[in-house]
């Protein structure tokens, strides 16, 4: 008898990883279409890019990139820290920022984007008794240090 053929009617055992139910990937409600994204970027360039370039004297950063792994790590960090602080529904707010000229690798004070955690502990209520999870959480460090296109990449 060949030792490579299983003694179960000739069928090979199923791979345990392959038999695990795969979770259905659900698209988040806040996703927009590619066409919508192109229109938003086009409108931003038409309304702001030229004015900023004239004002600043250089083309500024307007798109930023982070490895997905770093973003996932930051989200896990915010979730864990928030849970320890009694925050049940944390969020993340994005802010535009600009580096001081002396701290900018280009020496011109380029724009940046950073993420700041939000949320308040359960039971904390505002003036009207409502909980506003959108409050900044200054107990958790913000996230920055992505990279920007130079020149900026068009989303088209």
N, C-alpha and C. Protein backbone atom coordinates (compact mmCIF):
# COMPACT_ATOMS: atom_id res chain seq x y z
N UNK A 1 0.84 -1.18 0.00
CA UNK A 1 0.00 0.00 0.00
C UNK A 1 0.88 1.24 0.00
N UNK A 2 0.54 2.20 -0.83
CA UNK A 2 1.31 3.45 -0.94
C UNK A 2 1.05 4.28 0.31
N UNK A 3 2.11 4.71 0.98
CA UNK A 3 1.96 5.46 2.23
C UNK A 3 1.46 6.88 2.01
N UNK A 4 1.49 7.38 0.75
CA UNK A 4 1.03 8.75 0.50
C UNK A 4 -0.47 8.84 0.31
N UNK A 5 -1.12 7.72 0.02
CA UNK A 5 -2.57 7.73 -0.19
C UNK A 5 -3.23 7.52 1.17
N UNK A 6 -4.10 8.42 1.58
CA UNK A 6 -4.74 8.28 2.89
C UNK A 6 -5.66 7.07 2.91
N UNK A 7 -5.81 6.50 4.09
CA UNK A 7 -6.65 5.33 4.26
C UNK A 7 -8.07 5.77 4.64
N UNK A 8 -8.67 6.63 3.83
CA UNK A 8 -10.03 7.11 4.08
C UNK A 8 -10.81 7.16 2.76
N UNK A 9 -10.65 6.17 1.95
CA UNK A 9 -11.37 6.13 0.68
C UNK A 9 -10.67 6.93 -0.40
N UNK A 10 -9.40 7.25 -0.21
CA UNK A 10 -8.66 7.98 -1.24
C UNK A 10 -8.80 9.49 -1.15
N UNK A 11 -9.48 9.98 -0.14
CA UNK A 11 -9.65 11.43 0.00
C UNK A 11 -8.57 11.98 0.93
N UNK A 12 -8.03 13.10 0.53
CA UNK A 12 -7.03 13.76 1.38
C UNK A 12 -7.76 14.58 2.43
N UNK A 13 -7.18 14.67 3.63
CA UNK A 13 -7.83 15.48 4.67
C UNK A 13 -7.88 16.94 4.24
N UNK A 14 -8.95 17.59 4.64
CA UNK A 14 -9.11 19.01 4.30
C UNK A 14 -8.14 19.85 5.11
N UNK A 15 -7.68 20.89 4.47
CA UNK A 15 -6.81 21.85 5.14
C UNK A 15 -7.66 22.63 6.14
N UNK A 16 -7.28 22.60 7.42
CA UNK A 16 -8.08 23.26 8.45
C UNK A 16 -8.25 24.75 8.18
N UNK A 17 -7.19 25.39 7.68
CA UNK A 17 -7.29 26.82 7.38
C UNK A 17 -8.28 27.07 6.25
N UNK A 18 -8.30 26.20 5.27
CA UNK A 18 -9.18 26.37 4.12
C UNK A 18 -10.63 26.12 4.49
N UNK A 19 -10.88 25.33 5.54
CA UNK A 19 -12.25 25.02 5.91
C UNK A 19 -12.87 26.03 6.86
N UNK A 20 -12.05 26.91 7.43
CA UNK A 20 -12.60 27.96 8.29
C UNK A 20 -13.50 28.84 7.46
N UNK A 21 -14.61 29.22 8.07
CA UNK A 21 -15.52 30.12 7.35
C UNK A 21 -14.85 31.46 7.16
N UNK A 22 -14.88 31.92 5.93
CA UNK A 22 -14.31 33.24 5.65
C UNK A 22 -15.35 34.29 5.99
N UNK A 23 -14.89 35.32 6.67
CA UNK A 23 -15.80 36.42 7.01
C UNK A 23 -16.09 37.21 5.75
N UNK A 24 -17.35 37.54 5.59
CA UNK A 24 -17.74 38.35 4.44
C UNK A 24 -17.20 39.76 4.63
N UNK A 25 -16.55 40.27 3.63
CA UNK A 25 -16.02 41.63 3.70
C UNK A 25 -17.14 42.59 3.28
N UNK A 26 -17.51 43.44 4.21
CA UNK A 26 -18.58 44.39 3.96
C UNK A 26 -17.97 45.76 3.74
N UNK A 27 -18.37 46.40 2.66
CA UNK A 27 -17.88 47.73 2.36
C UNK A 27 -18.46 48.72 3.36
N UNK A 28 -17.61 49.55 3.98
CA UNK A 28 -18.11 50.55 4.93
C UNK A 28 -19.10 51.52 4.27
N UNK A 29 -20.05 51.99 5.06
CA UNK A 29 -21.09 52.90 4.57
C UNK A 29 -20.51 54.20 4.02
N UNK A 30 -19.37 54.61 4.54
CA UNK A 30 -18.80 55.90 4.15
C UNK A 30 -17.93 55.84 2.89
N UNK A 31 -17.83 54.68 2.26
CA UNK A 31 -17.07 54.61 1.00
C UNK A 31 -17.76 55.46 -0.06
N UNK A 32 -16.96 56.08 -0.89
CA UNK A 32 -17.50 56.83 -2.02
C UNK A 32 -16.97 56.19 -3.30
N UNK A 33 -17.57 56.54 -4.42
CA UNK A 33 -17.13 55.96 -5.69
C UNK A 33 -15.81 56.60 -6.11
N UNK A 34 -15.12 55.93 -6.99
CA UNK A 34 -13.87 56.47 -7.54
C UNK A 34 -14.15 57.77 -8.27
N UNK A 35 -15.25 57.83 -9.00
CA UNK A 35 -15.61 59.07 -9.70
C UNK A 35 -15.84 60.22 -8.73
N UNK A 36 -16.50 59.93 -7.60
CA UNK A 36 -16.71 60.96 -6.58
C UNK A 36 -15.38 61.46 -6.03
N UNK A 37 -14.48 60.53 -5.77
CA UNK A 37 -13.16 60.89 -5.25
C UNK A 37 -12.41 61.76 -6.26
N UNK A 38 -12.49 61.39 -7.52
CA UNK A 38 -11.83 62.19 -8.57
C UNK A 38 -12.41 63.60 -8.60
N UNK A 39 -13.71 63.72 -8.47
CA UNK A 39 -14.36 65.04 -8.49
C UNK A 39 -13.95 65.87 -7.28
N UNK A 40 -13.89 65.25 -6.10
CA UNK A 40 -13.47 65.97 -4.90
C UNK A 40 -12.05 66.51 -5.05
N UNK A 41 -11.15 65.67 -5.55
CA UNK A 41 -9.76 66.10 -5.71
C UNK A 41 -9.65 67.19 -6.78
N UNK A 42 -10.39 67.03 -7.87
CA UNK A 42 -10.40 68.03 -8.95
C UNK A 42 -10.90 69.37 -8.40
N UNK A 43 -11.97 69.32 -7.63
CA UNK A 43 -12.54 70.55 -7.08
C UNK A 43 -11.56 71.21 -6.11
N UNK A 44 -10.88 70.41 -5.30
CA UNK A 44 -9.90 70.96 -4.38
C UNK A 44 -8.80 71.67 -5.15
N UNK A 45 -8.31 71.03 -6.20
CA UNK A 45 -7.24 71.63 -7.01
C UNK A 45 -7.71 72.94 -7.66
N UNK A 46 -8.93 72.93 -8.19
CA UNK A 46 -9.46 74.13 -8.85
C UNK A 46 -9.68 75.28 -7.86
N UNK A 47 -10.19 74.96 -6.68
CA UNK A 47 -10.53 75.99 -5.70
C UNK A 47 -9.36 76.44 -4.82
N UNK A 48 -8.38 75.57 -4.60
CA UNK A 48 -7.39 75.87 -3.57
C UNK A 48 -5.93 75.80 -4.00
N UNK A 49 -5.58 74.84 -4.82
CA UNK A 49 -4.17 74.59 -5.12
C UNK A 49 -3.45 75.82 -5.68
N UNK A 50 -4.04 76.47 -6.67
CA UNK A 50 -3.40 77.64 -7.28
C UNK A 50 -3.24 78.78 -6.27
N UNK A 51 -4.28 79.01 -5.47
CA UNK A 51 -4.23 80.08 -4.46
C UNK A 51 -3.15 79.79 -3.42
N UNK A 52 -3.06 78.56 -2.98
CA UNK A 52 -2.03 78.19 -2.01
C UNK A 52 -0.64 78.36 -2.59
N UNK A 53 -0.48 77.95 -3.85
CA UNK A 53 0.84 78.07 -4.48
C UNK A 53 1.27 79.54 -4.59
N UNK A 54 0.33 80.41 -4.95
CA UNK A 54 0.65 81.84 -5.04
C UNK A 54 0.99 82.40 -3.66
N UNK A 55 0.22 82.02 -2.68
CA UNK A 55 0.42 82.52 -1.31
C UNK A 55 1.72 82.00 -0.70
N UNK A 56 1.97 80.71 -0.86
CA UNK A 56 3.14 80.09 -0.24
C UNK A 56 4.42 80.24 -1.05
N UNK A 57 4.25 80.40 -2.34
CA UNK A 57 5.42 80.50 -3.21
C UNK A 57 5.96 79.14 -3.64
N UNK A 58 5.22 78.08 -3.38
CA UNK A 58 5.61 76.73 -3.80
C UNK A 58 4.37 75.84 -3.86
N UNK A 59 4.47 74.76 -4.60
CA UNK A 59 3.38 73.79 -4.63
C UNK A 59 3.40 73.01 -3.32
N UNK A 60 2.26 72.97 -2.66
CA UNK A 60 2.19 72.34 -1.34
C UNK A 60 1.76 70.88 -1.47
N UNK A 61 2.01 70.11 -0.43
CA UNK A 61 1.55 68.72 -0.36
C UNK A 61 0.03 68.73 -0.26
N UNK A 62 -0.60 67.77 -0.91
CA UNK A 62 -2.06 67.67 -0.81
C UNK A 62 -2.53 66.22 -0.76
N UNK A 63 -1.60 65.27 -0.83
CA UNK A 63 -1.95 63.86 -0.69
C UNK A 63 -0.89 63.21 0.18
N UNK A 64 -1.33 62.29 1.01
CA UNK A 64 -0.45 61.69 2.00
C UNK A 64 -0.63 60.18 1.98
N UNK A 65 0.44 59.45 2.32
CA UNK A 65 0.41 58.00 2.23
C UNK A 65 1.01 57.38 3.49
N UNK A 66 0.35 56.31 3.96
CA UNK A 66 0.86 55.50 5.05
C UNK A 66 0.71 54.04 4.66
N UNK A 67 1.63 53.18 5.10
CA UNK A 67 1.42 51.75 4.89
C UNK A 67 0.19 51.30 5.67
N UNK A 68 -0.60 50.44 5.09
CA UNK A 68 -1.81 49.95 5.72
C UNK A 68 -1.51 49.32 7.08
N UNK A 69 -0.40 48.62 7.19
CA UNK A 69 -0.01 47.99 8.45
C UNK A 69 0.14 49.01 9.57
N UNK A 70 0.73 50.18 9.26
CA UNK A 70 0.90 51.23 10.28
C UNK A 70 -0.45 51.81 10.70
N UNK A 71 -1.35 52.00 9.73
CA UNK A 71 -2.68 52.52 10.07
C UNK A 71 -3.44 51.51 10.94
N UNK A 72 -3.36 50.23 10.59
CA UNK A 72 -4.02 49.20 11.39
C UNK A 72 -3.44 49.17 12.80
N UNK A 73 -2.13 49.29 12.91
CA UNK A 73 -1.48 49.28 14.22
C UNK A 73 -1.96 50.48 15.05
N UNK A 74 -2.08 51.64 14.42
CA UNK A 74 -2.54 52.83 15.14
C UNK A 74 -4.00 52.65 15.60
N UNK A 75 -4.83 52.11 14.73
CA UNK A 75 -6.24 51.89 15.10
C UNK A 75 -6.32 50.94 16.29
N UNK A 76 -5.54 49.86 16.28
CA UNK A 76 -5.53 48.92 17.41
C UNK A 76 -5.05 49.63 18.68
N UNK A 77 -4.02 50.46 18.55
CA UNK A 77 -3.48 51.22 19.69
C UNK A 77 -4.57 52.12 20.28
N UNK A 78 -5.29 52.84 19.42
CA UNK A 78 -6.36 53.74 19.88
C UNK A 78 -7.47 52.93 20.56
N UNK A 79 -7.84 51.81 19.96
CA UNK A 79 -8.89 50.98 20.56
C UNK A 79 -8.49 50.48 21.95
N UNK A 80 -7.26 49.95 22.06
CA UNK A 80 -6.79 49.40 23.35
C UNK A 80 -6.70 50.49 24.41
N UNK A 81 -6.06 51.61 24.06
CA UNK A 81 -5.91 52.71 25.03
C UNK A 81 -7.28 53.26 25.43
N UNK A 82 -8.17 53.41 24.46
CA UNK A 82 -9.51 53.93 24.73
C UNK A 82 -10.26 53.00 25.69
N UNK A 83 -10.17 51.70 25.45
CA UNK A 83 -10.86 50.73 26.30
C UNK A 83 -10.36 50.84 27.74
N UNK A 84 -9.03 50.98 27.90
CA UNK A 84 -8.47 51.13 29.25
C UNK A 84 -8.96 52.41 29.92
N UNK A 85 -9.33 53.41 29.10
CA UNK A 85 -9.80 54.70 29.63
C UNK A 85 -11.32 54.71 29.81
N UNK A 86 -11.98 53.58 29.49
CA UNK A 86 -13.43 53.50 29.63
C UNK A 86 -14.19 54.13 28.47
N UNK A 87 -13.54 54.29 27.34
CA UNK A 87 -14.17 54.87 26.16
C UNK A 87 -14.69 53.73 25.30
N UNK A 88 -16.00 53.72 25.09
CA UNK A 88 -16.64 52.61 24.40
C UNK A 88 -16.69 52.78 22.88
N UNK A 89 -16.73 53.97 22.40
CA UNK A 89 -16.90 54.19 20.97
C UNK A 89 -15.90 55.23 20.47
N UNK A 90 -14.60 54.89 20.45
CA UNK A 90 -13.60 55.88 20.03
C UNK A 90 -13.70 56.17 18.53
N UNK A 91 -13.12 57.26 18.15
CA UNK A 91 -13.05 57.63 16.74
C UNK A 91 -11.69 58.24 16.44
N UNK A 92 -11.53 58.64 15.21
CA UNK A 92 -10.29 59.30 14.80
C UNK A 92 -10.66 60.49 13.93
N UNK A 93 -10.06 61.64 14.23
CA UNK A 93 -10.28 62.87 13.46
C UNK A 93 -9.01 63.16 12.68
N UNK A 94 -9.16 63.63 11.44
CA UNK A 94 -8.01 64.02 10.62
C UNK A 94 -7.87 65.54 10.64
N UNK A 95 -6.65 66.00 10.85
CA UNK A 95 -6.35 67.43 10.86
C UNK A 95 -5.29 67.75 9.81
N UNK A 96 -5.46 68.87 9.15
CA UNK A 96 -4.38 69.42 8.34
C UNK A 96 -3.41 70.11 9.28
N UNK A 97 -2.14 70.05 8.95
CA UNK A 97 -1.12 70.74 9.71
C UNK A 97 -0.06 71.22 8.73
N UNK A 98 0.90 71.98 9.21
CA UNK A 98 2.02 72.43 8.37
C UNK A 98 3.28 72.42 9.23
N UNK A 99 4.34 71.89 8.66
CA UNK A 99 5.61 71.86 9.37
C UNK A 99 6.24 73.24 9.38
N UNK A 100 6.87 73.62 10.48
CA UNK A 100 7.65 74.85 10.48
C UNK A 100 8.77 74.70 9.44
N UNK A 101 9.14 75.79 8.79
CA UNK A 101 10.16 75.72 7.73
C UNK A 101 11.43 75.03 8.19
N UNK A 102 11.85 75.27 9.43
CA UNK A 102 13.10 74.68 9.91
C UNK A 102 12.98 73.19 10.23
N UNK A 103 11.75 72.66 10.27
CA UNK A 103 11.56 71.24 10.53
C UNK A 103 11.07 70.48 9.30
N UNK A 104 11.00 71.17 8.18
CA UNK A 104 10.52 70.57 6.93
C UNK A 104 11.73 70.16 6.09
N UNK A 105 11.72 68.93 5.61
CA UNK A 105 12.85 68.44 4.81
C UNK A 105 13.05 69.25 3.53
N UNK A 106 12.01 69.94 3.07
CA UNK A 106 12.11 70.77 1.87
C UNK A 106 12.46 72.23 2.21
N UNK A 107 12.45 72.55 3.50
CA UNK A 107 12.78 73.90 3.94
C UNK A 107 11.73 74.95 3.62
N UNK A 108 10.50 74.50 3.30
CA UNK A 108 9.46 75.46 2.91
C UNK A 108 8.19 75.35 3.75
N UNK A 109 8.14 74.45 4.71
CA UNK A 109 6.96 74.32 5.56
C UNK A 109 5.79 73.65 4.87
N UNK A 110 5.98 72.47 4.34
CA UNK A 110 4.92 71.74 3.63
C UNK A 110 3.80 71.32 4.57
N UNK A 111 2.63 71.11 3.98
CA UNK A 111 1.47 70.62 4.73
C UNK A 111 1.66 69.17 5.14
N UNK A 112 0.91 68.79 6.14
CA UNK A 112 0.86 67.39 6.57
C UNK A 112 -0.57 67.09 7.00
N UNK A 113 -0.82 65.86 7.27
CA UNK A 113 -2.12 65.42 7.77
C UNK A 113 -1.80 64.55 8.98
N UNK A 114 -2.51 64.78 10.08
CA UNK A 114 -2.31 63.90 11.23
C UNK A 114 -3.66 63.47 11.76
N UNK A 115 -3.65 62.32 12.44
CA UNK A 115 -4.86 61.74 12.99
C UNK A 115 -4.86 61.90 14.50
N UNK A 116 -6.01 62.30 15.05
CA UNK A 116 -6.14 62.49 16.49
C UNK A 116 -7.30 61.64 17.00
N UNK A 117 -7.08 60.87 18.07
CA UNK A 117 -8.15 60.05 18.63
C UNK A 117 -9.25 60.90 19.27
N UNK A 118 -10.46 60.38 19.24
CA UNK A 118 -11.59 61.06 19.87
C UNK A 118 -12.31 60.08 20.79
N UNK A 119 -13.12 60.62 21.68
CA UNK A 119 -13.96 59.80 22.55
C UNK A 119 -13.86 60.24 23.99
N UNK A 120 -14.92 60.00 24.71
CA UNK A 120 -14.97 60.32 26.14
C UNK A 120 -15.41 59.08 26.91
N UNK A 121 -15.00 58.97 28.17
CA UNK A 121 -15.40 57.79 28.96
C UNK A 121 -16.92 57.66 29.07
N UNK A 122 -17.37 56.42 29.12
CA UNK A 122 -18.81 56.16 29.32
C UNK A 122 -19.27 56.86 30.59
N UNK A 123 -20.45 57.43 30.52
CA UNK A 123 -20.99 58.12 31.68
C UNK A 123 -20.67 59.60 31.71
N UNK A 124 -19.73 60.03 30.86
CA UNK A 124 -19.43 61.46 30.77
C UNK A 124 -20.51 62.09 29.91
N UNK A 125 -21.06 63.14 30.39
CA UNK A 125 -22.13 63.79 29.64
C UNK A 125 -21.86 65.27 29.50
N UNK A 126 -22.31 65.80 28.40
CA UNK A 126 -22.17 67.23 28.15
C UNK A 126 -23.25 68.02 28.87
N UNK A 127 -23.36 69.32 28.53
CA UNK A 127 -24.33 70.20 29.17
C UNK A 127 -25.76 69.70 29.02
N UNK A 128 -26.06 69.13 27.85
CA UNK A 128 -27.42 68.66 27.60
C UNK A 128 -27.62 67.20 27.99
N UNK A 129 -26.62 66.61 28.64
CA UNK A 129 -26.72 65.22 29.08
C UNK A 129 -26.28 64.21 28.03
N UNK A 130 -25.97 64.68 26.84
CA UNK A 130 -25.56 63.78 25.76
C UNK A 130 -24.06 63.51 25.82
N UNK A 131 -23.68 62.35 25.36
CA UNK A 131 -22.26 62.00 25.27
C UNK A 131 -21.80 62.32 23.86
N UNK A 132 -20.76 63.11 23.75
CA UNK A 132 -20.22 63.47 22.44
C UNK A 132 -18.91 62.73 22.23
N UNK A 133 -18.94 61.63 21.49
CA UNK A 133 -17.75 60.84 21.25
C UNK A 133 -16.79 61.55 20.31
N UNK A 134 -17.18 62.70 19.81
CA UNK A 134 -16.32 63.41 18.87
C UNK A 134 -15.32 64.33 19.54
N UNK A 135 -15.34 64.39 20.85
CA UNK A 135 -14.37 65.22 21.56
C UNK A 135 -12.97 64.63 21.37
N UNK A 136 -11.98 65.49 21.20
CA UNK A 136 -10.60 65.00 21.09
C UNK A 136 -10.20 64.33 22.39
N UNK A 137 -9.45 63.26 22.26
CA UNK A 137 -8.94 62.53 23.43
C UNK A 137 -7.45 62.84 23.53
N UNK A 138 -7.11 63.77 24.40
CA UNK A 138 -5.72 64.20 24.55
C UNK A 138 -4.91 63.25 25.42
N UNK A 139 -5.51 62.13 25.83
CA UNK A 139 -4.78 61.12 26.59
C UNK A 139 -4.10 60.09 25.70
N UNK A 140 -4.30 60.19 24.39
CA UNK A 140 -3.69 59.26 23.43
C UNK A 140 -2.98 60.09 22.36
N UNK A 141 -1.75 59.70 22.04
CA UNK A 141 -0.95 60.45 21.07
C UNK A 141 -1.55 60.42 19.66
N UNK A 142 -1.48 61.54 18.95
CA UNK A 142 -1.89 61.58 17.54
C UNK A 142 -0.90 60.81 16.67
N UNK A 143 -1.22 60.65 15.40
CA UNK A 143 -0.45 59.85 14.45
C UNK A 143 -0.11 60.70 13.23
N UNK A 144 1.16 60.67 12.81
CA UNK A 144 1.61 61.47 11.67
C UNK A 144 2.73 60.71 10.96
N UNK A 145 3.58 61.44 10.30
CA UNK A 145 4.77 60.91 9.63
C UNK A 145 4.48 59.98 8.46
N UNK A 146 3.48 60.33 7.68
CA UNK A 146 3.27 59.64 6.42
C UNK A 146 4.20 60.25 5.39
N UNK A 147 3.99 59.93 4.15
CA UNK A 147 4.80 60.55 3.10
C UNK A 147 3.85 61.24 2.14
N UNK A 148 4.38 62.26 1.47
CA UNK A 148 3.58 63.03 0.53
C UNK A 148 4.28 63.05 -0.82
N UNK A 149 3.49 63.10 -1.87
CA UNK A 149 4.07 63.15 -3.21
C UNK A 149 4.70 64.51 -3.47
N UNK A 150 5.82 64.53 -4.11
CA UNK A 150 6.50 65.78 -4.47
C UNK A 150 7.01 65.65 -5.90
N UNK A 151 6.25 66.13 -6.85
CA UNK A 151 5.00 66.88 -6.73
C UNK A 151 3.84 65.97 -6.32
N UNK A 152 2.74 66.59 -5.89
CA UNK A 152 1.59 65.79 -5.49
C UNK A 152 1.07 64.93 -6.65
N UNK A 153 0.59 63.75 -6.30
CA UNK A 153 0.00 62.85 -7.30
C UNK A 153 -1.47 63.19 -7.47
N UNK A 154 -1.91 63.24 -8.70
CA UNK A 154 -3.33 63.47 -9.00
C UNK A 154 -4.11 62.19 -8.79
N UNK A 155 -5.30 62.33 -8.31
CA UNK A 155 -6.21 61.17 -8.21
C UNK A 155 -7.09 61.17 -9.45
N UNK A 156 -6.49 60.76 -10.54
CA UNK A 156 -7.26 60.76 -11.80
C UNK A 156 -6.86 59.60 -12.67
